[in-house]
Amino acid sequence: MVVPGGAWEDHRRALGGFIRSQRKLARLSLRQLSALSNISNPYLSQIERGLHEPSVRVLHAIAEALDISAETLLLQAGLVREHAGDAPAEAAGSGDGSTERAIRADPRLSDAQKEALISVYRSYTAGSPAPGGAR
């Protein structure tokens, strides 16, 4: 993925914000995440502030510690791409993806907040039956 200079910084900040929001959703302190992931506290802090772009290995460790899929973090980092037919909205049975579009279109939310909300939404809908079916 080729990203212009300023956009790369924005991308790192968005990824860091996403990791921070997931950590807070998991009710973990930075030190707790550090212990769970075996990544130093200062380095995690720098990642969350968008000062460093973590390696795939580091992203996997963070994902495991946060109990989220590594694919979610790799997507956020721009290291893998969603394929149109494999989009989580369709896979989750949400039909037209209108919920995710509404979240992405809301100007009151930052990019990191949008991604965190979508991640939580996908986690809740991933195991849900098709509309009209009982769980």
N, C-alpha and C. Protein backbone atom coordinates (compact mmCIF):
# COMPACT_ATOMS: atom_id res chain seq x y z
N MET A 1 0.85 -1.17 0.00
CA MET A 1 0.00 0.00 0.00
C MET A 1 0.90 1.23 0.00
N VAL A 2 0.75 2.09 -1.00
CA VAL A 2 1.54 3.31 -1.09
C VAL A 2 0.70 4.46 -0.55
N VAL A 3 1.23 5.10 0.47
CA VAL A 3 0.49 6.20 1.12
C VAL A 3 1.40 7.42 1.15
N PRO A 4 0.92 8.59 0.66
CA PRO A 4 1.74 9.80 0.71
C PRO A 4 2.15 10.14 2.14
N GLY A 5 3.26 10.89 2.29
CA GLY A 5 3.85 11.22 3.59
C GLY A 5 2.88 11.62 4.67
N GLY A 6 2.11 12.70 4.48
CA GLY A 6 1.18 13.17 5.50
C GLY A 6 0.08 12.18 5.77
N ALA A 7 -0.37 11.50 4.72
CA ALA A 7 -1.43 10.50 4.89
C ALA A 7 -0.91 9.31 5.70
N TRP A 8 0.38 9.01 5.56
CA TRP A 8 0.97 7.90 6.32
C TRP A 8 0.92 8.20 7.81
N GLU A 9 1.21 9.44 8.18
CA GLU A 9 1.13 9.83 9.59
C GLU A 9 -0.31 9.72 10.09
N ASP A 10 -1.26 10.15 9.29
CA ASP A 10 -2.67 10.04 9.66
C ASP A 10 -3.06 8.57 9.83
N HIS A 11 -2.55 7.74 8.93
CA HIS A 11 -2.83 6.31 8.97
C HIS A 11 -2.29 5.69 10.27
N ARG A 12 -1.05 6.05 10.63
CA ARG A 12 -0.45 5.54 11.87
C ARG A 12 -1.26 5.99 13.08
N ARG A 13 -1.69 7.25 13.07
CA ARG A 13 -2.49 7.76 14.19
C ARG A 13 -3.83 7.04 14.28
N ALA A 14 -4.45 6.79 13.13
CA ALA A 14 -5.74 6.09 13.13
C ALA A 14 -5.58 4.66 13.66
N LEU A 15 -4.51 3.99 13.23
CA LEU A 15 -4.25 2.63 13.73
C LEU A 15 -4.01 2.67 15.23
N GLY A 16 -3.19 3.60 15.68
CA GLY A 16 -2.92 3.73 17.12
C GLY A 16 -4.17 4.04 17.91
N GLY A 17 -5.02 4.91 17.36
CA GLY A 17 -6.28 5.23 18.03
C GLY A 17 -7.20 4.03 18.10
N PHE A 18 -7.19 3.22 17.04
CA PHE A 18 -8.00 2.01 17.02
C PHE A 18 -7.52 1.04 18.11
N ILE A 19 -6.20 0.85 18.20
CA ILE A 19 -5.64 -0.04 19.21
C ILE A 19 -5.99 0.49 20.61
N ARG A 20 -5.85 1.78 20.81
CA ARG A 20 -6.18 2.38 22.11
C ARG A 20 -7.66 2.15 22.45
N SER A 21 -8.54 2.37 21.48
CA SER A 21 -9.97 2.20 21.75
C SER A 21 -10.29 0.74 22.06
N GLN A 22 -9.64 -0.20 21.37
CA GLN A 22 -9.87 -1.61 21.66
C GLN A 22 -9.34 -1.97 23.05
N ARG A 23 -8.20 -1.39 23.43
CA ARG A 23 -7.65 -1.63 24.77
C ARG A 23 -8.61 -1.11 25.84
N LYS A 24 -9.16 0.08 25.60
CA LYS A 24 -10.10 0.65 26.58
C LYS A 24 -11.40 -0.14 26.63
N LEU A 25 -11.86 -0.62 25.48
CA LEU A 25 -13.06 -1.47 25.47
C LEU A 25 -12.82 -2.75 26.26
N ALA A 26 -11.59 -3.25 26.21
CA ALA A 26 -11.22 -4.46 26.96
C ALA A 26 -10.93 -4.14 28.43
N ARG A 27 -11.00 -2.85 28.79
CA ARG A 27 -10.74 -2.39 30.16
C ARG A 27 -9.35 -2.79 30.65
N LEU A 28 -8.37 -2.57 29.76
CA LEU A 28 -6.98 -2.87 30.09
C LEU A 28 -6.18 -1.58 30.16
N SER A 29 -5.28 -1.52 31.12
CA SER A 29 -4.34 -0.40 31.15
C SER A 29 -3.24 -0.70 30.14
N LEU A 30 -2.45 0.30 29.84
CA LEU A 30 -1.33 0.11 28.93
C LEU A 30 -0.36 -0.93 29.50
N ARG A 31 -0.14 -0.88 30.80
CA ARG A 31 0.76 -1.85 31.44
C ARG A 31 0.21 -3.27 31.35
N GLN A 32 -1.10 -3.41 31.52
CA GLN A 32 -1.71 -4.74 31.41
C GLN A 32 -1.57 -5.29 30.00
N LEU A 33 -1.82 -4.44 29.00
CA LEU A 33 -1.67 -4.86 27.61
C LEU A 33 -0.22 -5.22 27.34
N SER A 34 0.69 -4.47 27.89
CA SER A 34 2.12 -4.74 27.73
C SER A 34 2.45 -6.13 28.27
N ALA A 35 1.96 -6.44 29.44
CA ALA A 35 2.23 -7.74 30.05
C ALA A 35 1.60 -8.88 29.25
N LEU A 36 0.37 -8.68 28.77
CA LEU A 36 -0.32 -9.72 28.01
C LEU A 36 0.30 -9.96 26.64
N SER A 37 0.84 -8.91 26.03
CA SER A 37 1.36 -9.02 24.67
C SER A 37 2.87 -9.22 24.61
N ASN A 38 3.55 -9.08 25.75
CA ASN A 38 5.02 -9.15 25.79
C ASN A 38 5.66 -8.08 24.90
N ILE A 39 5.04 -6.92 24.87
CA ILE A 39 5.56 -5.76 24.13
C ILE A 39 5.78 -4.67 25.17
N SER A 40 6.89 -3.97 25.08
CA SER A 40 7.21 -2.99 26.11
C SER A 40 6.15 -1.89 26.19
N ASN A 41 5.93 -1.43 27.41
CA ASN A 41 4.98 -0.36 27.67
C ASN A 41 5.29 0.90 26.85
N PRO A 42 6.56 1.37 26.80
CA PRO A 42 6.85 2.57 26.01
C PRO A 42 6.56 2.38 24.51
N TYR A 43 6.88 1.19 23.98
CA TYR A 43 6.64 0.95 22.56
C TYR A 43 5.14 0.94 22.26
N LEU A 44 4.34 0.30 23.13
CA LEU A 44 2.89 0.31 22.95
C LEU A 44 2.35 1.74 22.98
N SER A 45 2.86 2.53 23.90
CA SER A 45 2.44 3.93 23.99
C SER A 45 2.74 4.67 22.69
N GLN A 46 3.92 4.43 22.14
CA GLN A 46 4.29 5.09 20.88
C GLN A 46 3.41 4.63 19.73
N ILE A 47 3.05 3.35 19.71
CA ILE A 47 2.15 2.84 18.67
C ILE A 47 0.79 3.52 18.80
N GLU A 48 0.26 3.58 20.02
CA GLU A 48 -1.05 4.20 20.24
C GLU A 48 -1.07 5.67 19.86
N ARG A 49 0.05 6.35 20.01
CA ARG A 49 0.13 7.77 19.66
C ARG A 49 0.49 7.98 18.19
N GLY A 50 0.65 6.90 17.44
CA GLY A 50 0.93 7.02 16.01
C GLY A 50 2.36 7.36 15.69
N LEU A 51 3.28 7.12 16.62
CA LEU A 51 4.68 7.45 16.39
C LEU A 51 5.44 6.32 15.71
N HIS A 52 4.92 5.10 15.80
CA HIS A 52 5.56 3.94 15.17
C HIS A 52 4.53 3.09 14.46
N GLU A 53 4.92 2.50 13.35
CA GLU A 53 4.10 1.54 12.62
C GLU A 53 4.54 0.15 13.07
N PRO A 54 3.69 -0.60 13.76
CA PRO A 54 4.10 -1.90 14.28
C PRO A 54 4.25 -2.95 13.18
N SER A 55 5.09 -3.93 13.45
CA SER A 55 5.28 -5.05 12.52
C SER A 55 4.08 -5.98 12.60
N VAL A 56 4.01 -6.90 11.65
CA VAL A 56 2.94 -7.90 11.65
C VAL A 56 3.00 -8.72 12.93
N ARG A 57 4.20 -9.09 13.37
CA ARG A 57 4.36 -9.87 14.60
C ARG A 57 3.78 -9.12 15.79
N VAL A 58 4.08 -7.84 15.88
CA VAL A 58 3.58 -7.02 16.98
C VAL A 58 2.06 -6.90 16.91
N LEU A 59 1.52 -6.72 15.71
CA LEU A 59 0.06 -6.63 15.55
C LEU A 59 -0.61 -7.93 15.98
N HIS A 60 -0.01 -9.07 15.63
CA HIS A 60 -0.56 -10.36 16.06
C HIS A 60 -0.57 -10.47 17.59
N ALA A 61 0.51 -10.05 18.23
CA ALA A 61 0.60 -10.12 19.69
C ALA A 61 -0.44 -9.21 20.34
N ILE A 62 -0.62 -8.02 19.79
CA ILE A 62 -1.62 -7.08 20.33
C ILE A 62 -3.02 -7.65 20.15
N ALA A 63 -3.30 -8.19 18.95
CA ALA A 63 -4.62 -8.76 18.68
C ALA A 63 -4.93 -9.90 19.65
N GLU A 64 -3.96 -10.77 19.86
CA GLU A 64 -4.17 -11.89 20.79
C GLU A 64 -4.43 -11.38 22.20
N ALA A 65 -3.67 -10.40 22.63
CA ALA A 65 -3.84 -9.85 23.98
C ALA A 65 -5.19 -9.16 24.14
N LEU A 66 -5.69 -8.54 23.07
CA LEU A 66 -6.98 -7.84 23.12
C LEU A 66 -8.15 -8.76 22.82
N ASP A 67 -7.85 -10.01 22.46
CA ASP A 67 -8.87 -10.99 22.11
C ASP A 67 -9.71 -10.53 20.92
N ILE A 68 -9.02 -9.98 19.92
CA ILE A 68 -9.67 -9.64 18.66
C ILE A 68 -8.91 -10.37 17.56
N SER A 69 -9.51 -10.47 16.38
CA SER A 69 -8.83 -11.19 15.31
C SER A 69 -7.63 -10.40 14.80
N ALA A 70 -6.60 -11.14 14.46
CA ALA A 70 -5.41 -10.51 13.89
C ALA A 70 -5.79 -9.84 12.57
N GLU A 71 -6.74 -10.43 11.84
CA GLU A 71 -7.17 -9.86 10.57
C GLU A 71 -7.72 -8.44 10.76
N THR A 72 -8.43 -8.22 11.85
CA THR A 72 -8.98 -6.90 12.12
C THR A 72 -7.86 -5.86 12.22
N LEU A 73 -6.82 -6.19 12.97
CA LEU A 73 -5.69 -5.26 13.10
C LEU A 73 -4.91 -5.13 11.80
N LEU A 74 -4.75 -6.24 11.08
CA LEU A 74 -4.03 -6.18 9.81
C LEU A 74 -4.80 -5.32 8.80
N LEU A 75 -6.13 -5.40 8.82
CA LEU A 75 -6.94 -4.52 7.97
C LEU A 75 -6.74 -3.07 8.35
N GLN A 76 -6.75 -2.79 9.65
CA GLN A 76 -6.54 -1.42 10.12
C GLN A 76 -5.18 -0.89 9.72
N ALA A 77 -4.19 -1.79 9.73
CA ALA A 77 -2.82 -1.39 9.40
C ALA A 77 -2.62 -1.28 7.89
N GLY A 78 -3.61 -1.73 7.11
CA GLY A 78 -3.47 -1.68 5.66
C GLY A 78 -2.59 -2.78 5.11
N LEU A 79 -2.38 -3.84 5.89
CA LEU A 79 -1.51 -4.93 5.45
C LEU A 79 -2.26 -6.02 4.72
N VAL A 80 -3.58 -6.04 4.83
CA VAL A 80 -4.43 -6.93 4.04
C VAL A 80 -5.60 -6.10 3.55
N ARG A 81 -6.22 -6.57 2.50
CA ARG A 81 -7.37 -5.85 1.94
C ARG A 81 -8.61 -6.71 2.01
N GLU A 82 -9.74 -6.04 2.19
CA GLU A 82 -11.02 -6.73 2.15
C GLU A 82 -11.38 -6.95 0.70
N HIS A 83 -11.87 -8.14 0.41
CA HIS A 83 -12.39 -8.41 -0.92
C HIS A 83 -13.88 -8.14 -0.90
N ALA A 84 -14.41 -7.64 -2.00
CA ALA A 84 -15.82 -7.23 -2.04
C ALA A 84 -16.76 -8.34 -1.57
N GLY A 85 -16.54 -9.57 -2.01
CA GLY A 85 -17.42 -10.67 -1.61
C GLY A 85 -17.18 -11.15 -0.20
N ASP A 86 -16.05 -10.78 0.40
CA ASP A 86 -15.70 -11.25 1.73
C ASP A 86 -15.90 -10.19 2.79
N ALA A 87 -16.54 -9.09 2.45
CA ALA A 87 -16.70 -8.00 3.41
C ALA A 87 -17.44 -8.50 4.63
N PRO A 88 -16.96 -8.15 5.81
CA PRO A 88 -17.60 -8.62 7.04
C PRO A 88 -19.08 -8.28 7.13
N ALA A 89 -19.52 -7.17 6.55
CA ALA A 89 -20.93 -6.81 6.63
C ALA A 89 -21.80 -7.88 5.99
N GLU A 90 -21.38 -8.38 4.81
CA GLU A 90 -22.16 -9.42 4.17
C GLU A 90 -22.00 -10.74 4.91
N ALA A 91 -20.78 -11.03 5.35
CA ALA A 91 -20.53 -12.28 6.05
C ALA A 91 -21.33 -12.35 7.34
N ALA A 92 -21.54 -11.24 7.96
CA ALA A 92 -22.27 -11.21 9.22
C ALA A 92 -23.77 -11.25 9.03
N GLY A 93 -24.23 -11.20 7.79
CA GLY A 93 -25.65 -11.26 7.54
C GLY A 93 -26.36 -9.95 7.72
N SER A 94 -25.64 -8.84 7.68
CA SER A 94 -26.29 -7.55 7.89
C SER A 94 -26.90 -7.02 6.61
N GLY A 95 -26.85 -7.84 5.55
CA GLY A 95 -27.51 -7.46 4.32
C GLY A 95 -26.81 -6.38 3.55
N ASP A 96 -27.39 -5.20 3.54
CA ASP A 96 -26.88 -4.12 2.69
C ASP A 96 -25.74 -3.32 3.30
N GLY A 97 -25.35 -3.58 4.52
CA GLY A 97 -24.23 -2.85 5.14
C GLY A 97 -24.59 -1.42 5.52
N SER A 98 -25.88 -1.13 5.65
CA SER A 98 -26.30 0.25 5.93
C SER A 98 -25.82 0.74 7.30
N THR A 99 -25.69 -0.14 8.26
CA THR A 99 -25.23 0.28 9.59
C THR A 99 -23.80 0.78 9.50
N GLU A 100 -22.94 0.01 8.82
CA GLU A 100 -21.54 0.43 8.69
C GLU A 100 -21.42 1.71 7.87
N ARG A 101 -22.23 1.85 6.83
CA ARG A 101 -22.20 3.08 6.03
C ARG A 101 -22.62 4.28 6.88
N ALA A 102 -23.63 4.09 7.73
CA ALA A 102 -24.08 5.19 8.59
C ALA A 102 -22.99 5.60 9.57
N ILE A 103 -22.30 4.62 10.14
CA ILE A 103 -21.20 4.94 11.06
C ILE A 103 -20.11 5.69 10.33
N ARG A 104 -19.71 5.20 9.15
CA ARG A 104 -18.64 5.85 8.38
C ARG A 104 -19.02 7.26 7.93
N ALA A 105 -20.31 7.51 7.73
CA ALA A 105 -20.76 8.82 7.24
C ALA A 105 -20.96 9.85 8.35
N ASP A 106 -20.94 9.43 9.60
CA ASP A 106 -21.22 10.35 10.71
C ASP A 106 -20.04 11.29 10.93
N PRO A 107 -20.22 12.59 10.67
CA PRO A 107 -19.12 13.54 10.79
C PRO A 107 -18.71 13.84 12.23
N ARG A 108 -19.52 13.42 13.20
CA ARG A 108 -19.19 13.68 14.60
C ARG A 108 -18.16 12.71 15.15
N LEU A 109 -17.88 11.63 14.42
CA LEU A 109 -16.95 10.61 14.89
C LEU A 109 -15.60 10.74 14.20
N SER A 110 -14.54 10.50 14.96
CA SER A 110 -13.20 10.46 14.36
C SER A 110 -13.05 9.13 13.62
N ASP A 111 -12.03 9.02 12.78
CA ASP A 111 -11.79 7.77 12.06
C ASP A 111 -11.57 6.62 13.03
N ALA A 112 -10.82 6.87 14.09
CA ALA A 112 -10.56 5.81 15.08
C ALA A 112 -11.86 5.38 15.76
N GLN A 113 -12.73 6.33 16.09
CA GLN A 113 -14.01 6.00 16.72
C GLN A 113 -14.88 5.19 15.76
N LYS A 114 -14.89 5.59 14.49
CA LYS A 114 -15.68 4.86 13.50
C LYS A 114 -15.21 3.41 13.40
N GLU A 115 -13.90 3.21 13.32
CA GLU A 115 -13.36 1.86 13.20
C GLU A 115 -13.65 1.04 14.45
N ALA A 116 -13.56 1.66 15.61
CA ALA A 116 -13.86 0.95 16.86
C ALA A 116 -15.33 0.53 16.90
N LEU A 117 -16.23 1.43 16.53
CA LEU A 117 -17.65 1.10 16.51
C LEU A 117 -17.96 -0.02 15.53
N ILE A 118 -17.37 0.07 14.35
CA ILE A 118 -17.59 -0.97 13.34
C ILE A 118 -17.06 -2.31 13.82
N SER A 119 -15.91 -2.29 14.46
CA SER A 119 -15.33 -3.53 14.99
C SER A 119 -16.25 -4.16 16.03
N VAL A 120 -16.77 -3.33 16.94
CA VAL A 120 -17.69 -3.84 17.96
C VAL A 120 -18.96 -4.36 17.30
N TYR A 121 -19.50 -3.61 16.35
CA TYR A 121 -20.71 -4.03 15.64
C TYR A 121 -20.49 -5.38 14.96
N ARG A 122 -19.36 -5.53 14.27
CA ARG A 122 -19.06 -6.79 13.59
C ARG A 122 -18.92 -7.93 14.58
N SER A 123 -18.33 -7.67 15.73
CA SER A 123 -18.16 -8.74 16.72
C SER A 123 -19.52 -9.22 17.25
N TYR A 124 -20.47 -8.31 17.38
CA TYR A 124 -21.80 -8.69 17.84
C TYR A 124 -22.60 -9.41 16.77
N THR A 125 -22.42 -9.03 15.51
CA THR A 125 -23.24 -9.61 14.44
C THR A 125 -22.61 -10.82 13.78
N ALA A 126 -21.35 -11.11 14.06
CA ALA A 126 -20.65 -12.21 13.38
C ALA A 126 -21.34 -13.55 13.60
N GLY A 127 -21.85 -13.81 14.76
CA GLY A 127 -22.47 -15.10 15.04
C GLY A 127 -23.98 -15.08 14.98
N SER A 128 -24.55 -13.97 14.55
CA SER A 128 -26.00 -13.83 14.52
C SER A 128 -26.59 -14.57 13.33
N PRO A 129 -27.77 -15.16 13.51
CA PRO A 129 -28.45 -15.80 12.39
C PRO A 129 -28.99 -14.77 11.41
N ALA A 130 -29.40 -15.24 10.27
CA ALA A 130 -29.98 -14.35 9.26
C ALA A 130 -31.23 -13.69 9.84
N PRO A 131 -31.60 -12.50 9.32
CA PRO A 131 -32.79 -11.81 9.82
C PRO A 131 -34.01 -12.73 9.80
N GLY A 132 -34.77 -12.68 10.89
CA GLY A 132 -35.97 -13.49 10.99
C GLY A 132 -35.75 -14.83 11.66
N GLY A 133 -34.48 -15.23 11.82
CA GLY A 133 -34.17 -16.52 12.45
C GLY A 133 -33.96 -16.35 13.93
N ALA A 134 -34.22 -17.39 14.68
CA ALA A 134 -33.99 -17.33 16.13
C ALA A 134 -32.57 -17.76 16.44
N ARG A 135 -32.01 -17.19 17.44
CA ARG A 135 -30.64 -17.51 17.83
C ARG A 135 -30.61 -18.69 18.75
